[in-house]
Amino acid sequence: MLETWIEDFSDRMNEAYKDMHLIDAKGVFEADDEVGEVFTQLKDITEQLSKL
C-alpha cells in the first residue's frame, strides 16, 4: 500500500514537473531565482522518489 502511494505520488510529481516545463516554454520562470528554485526542488523530489 505504501509502495503504491509512493509510485502514484512520484507519477504526479513527474506530471507537475512536465506541466511546469510546458507552461514555461521559454524558460523565463525556470531561470528566475525564486521560481527556478521550485523547478529544481520538484526535479530533486521526483528523482529521489524514483529511487525508492
C-alpha atoms as a PDB file:
ATOM      1  CA  MET A   1       0.000   0.000   0.000  1.00  0.00           C
ATOM      2  CA  LEU A   2       2.781   2.468   0.868  1.00  0.00           C
ATOM      3  CA  GLU A   3       4.691   1.443  -2.246  1.00  0.00           C
ATOM      4  CA  THR A   4       1.640   2.136  -4.410  1.00  0.00           C
ATOM      5  CA  TRP A   5       1.175   5.532  -2.768  1.00  0.00           C
ATOM      6  CA  ILE A   6       4.823   6.415  -3.399  1.00  0.00           C
ATOM      7  CA  GLU A   7       4.559   5.362  -7.048  1.00  0.00           C
ATOM      8  CA  ASP A   8       1.370   7.393  -7.511  1.00  0.00           C
ATOM      9  CA  PHE A   9       2.894  10.414  -5.789  1.00  0.00           C
ATOM     10  CA  SER A  10       6.028  10.128  -7.912  1.00  0.00           C
ATOM     11  CA  ASP A  11       3.907   9.985 -11.067  1.00  0.00           C
ATOM     12  CA  ARG A  12       2.005  13.105 -10.006  1.00  0.00           C
ATOM     13  CA  MET A  13       5.252  14.931  -9.276  1.00  0.00           C
ATOM     14  CA  ASN A  14       6.601  13.963 -12.700  1.00  0.00           C
ATOM     15  CA  GLU A  15       3.437  15.242 -14.367  1.00  0.00           C
ATOM     16  CA  ALA A  16       3.574  18.504 -12.419  1.00  0.00           C
ATOM     17  CA  TYR A  17       7.208  18.978 -13.418  1.00  0.00           C
ATOM     18  CA  LYS A  18       6.414  18.304 -17.092  1.00  0.00           C
ATOM     19  CA  ASP A  19       3.435  20.672 -16.975  1.00  0.00           C
ATOM     20  CA  MET A  20       5.592  23.410 -15.485  1.00  0.00           C
ATOM     21  CA  HIS A  21       8.061  22.996 -18.335  1.00  0.00           C
ATOM     22  CA  LEU A  22       5.246  23.197 -20.894  1.00  0.00           C
ATOM     23  CA  ILE A  23       3.905  26.361 -19.305  1.00  0.00           C
ATOM     24  CA  ASP A  24       7.396  27.839 -19.191  1.00  0.00           C
ATOM     25  CA  ALA A  25       8.375  27.012 -22.782  1.00  0.00           C
ATOM     26  CA  LYS A  26      10.749  29.989 -22.984  1.00  0.00           C
ATOM     27  CA  GLY A  27      12.483  29.155 -19.703  1.00  0.00           C
ATOM     28  CA  VAL A  28      11.698  32.555 -18.193  1.00  0.00           C
ATOM     29  CA  PHE A  29      10.270  31.195 -14.948  1.00  0.00           C
ATOM     30  CA  GLU A  30      12.849  28.449 -14.556  1.00  0.00           C
ATOM     31  CA  ALA A  31      15.639  30.998 -14.921  1.00  0.00           C
ATOM     32  CA  ASP A  32      14.104  33.193 -12.196  1.00  0.00           C
ATOM     33  CA  ASP A  33      15.781  32.752  -8.823  1.00  0.00           C
ATOM     34  CA  GLU A  34      12.697  32.022  -6.710  1.00  0.00           C
ATOM     35  CA  VAL A  35      10.616  30.163  -9.293  1.00  0.00           C
ATOM     36  CA  GLY A  36      13.676  28.355 -10.606  1.00  0.00           C
ATOM     37  CA  GLU A  37      14.220  27.021  -7.101  1.00  0.00           C
ATOM     38  CA  VAL A  38      10.755  25.422  -7.227  1.00  0.00           C
ATOM     39  CA  PHE A  39      11.629  23.752 -10.543  1.00  0.00           C
ATOM     40  CA  THR A  40      14.830  22.413  -9.006  1.00  0.00           C
ATOM     41  CA  GLN A  41      13.061  21.151  -5.893  1.00  0.00           C
ATOM     42  CA  LEU A  42      10.396  19.341  -7.936  1.00  0.00           C
ATOM     43  CA  LYS A  43      13.080  17.729 -10.071  1.00  0.00           C
ATOM     44  CA  ASP A  44      15.068  16.632  -6.999  1.00  0.00           C
ATOM     45  CA  ILE A  45      11.984  15.204  -5.281  1.00  0.00           C
ATOM     46  CA  THR A  46      10.997  13.319  -8.420  1.00  0.00           C
ATOM     47  CA  GLU A  47      14.482  11.836  -8.775  1.00  0.00           C
ATOM     48  CA  GLN A  48      14.579  10.785  -5.115  1.00  0.00           C
ATOM     49  CA  LEU A  49      11.171   9.128  -5.337  1.00  0.00           C
ATOM     50  CA  SER A  50      12.161   7.196  -8.446  1.00  0.00           C
ATOM     51  CA  LYS A  51      14.985   5.576  -6.440  1.00  0.00           C
ATOM     52  CA  LEU A  52      12.571   4.072  -3.895  1.00  0.00           C
END
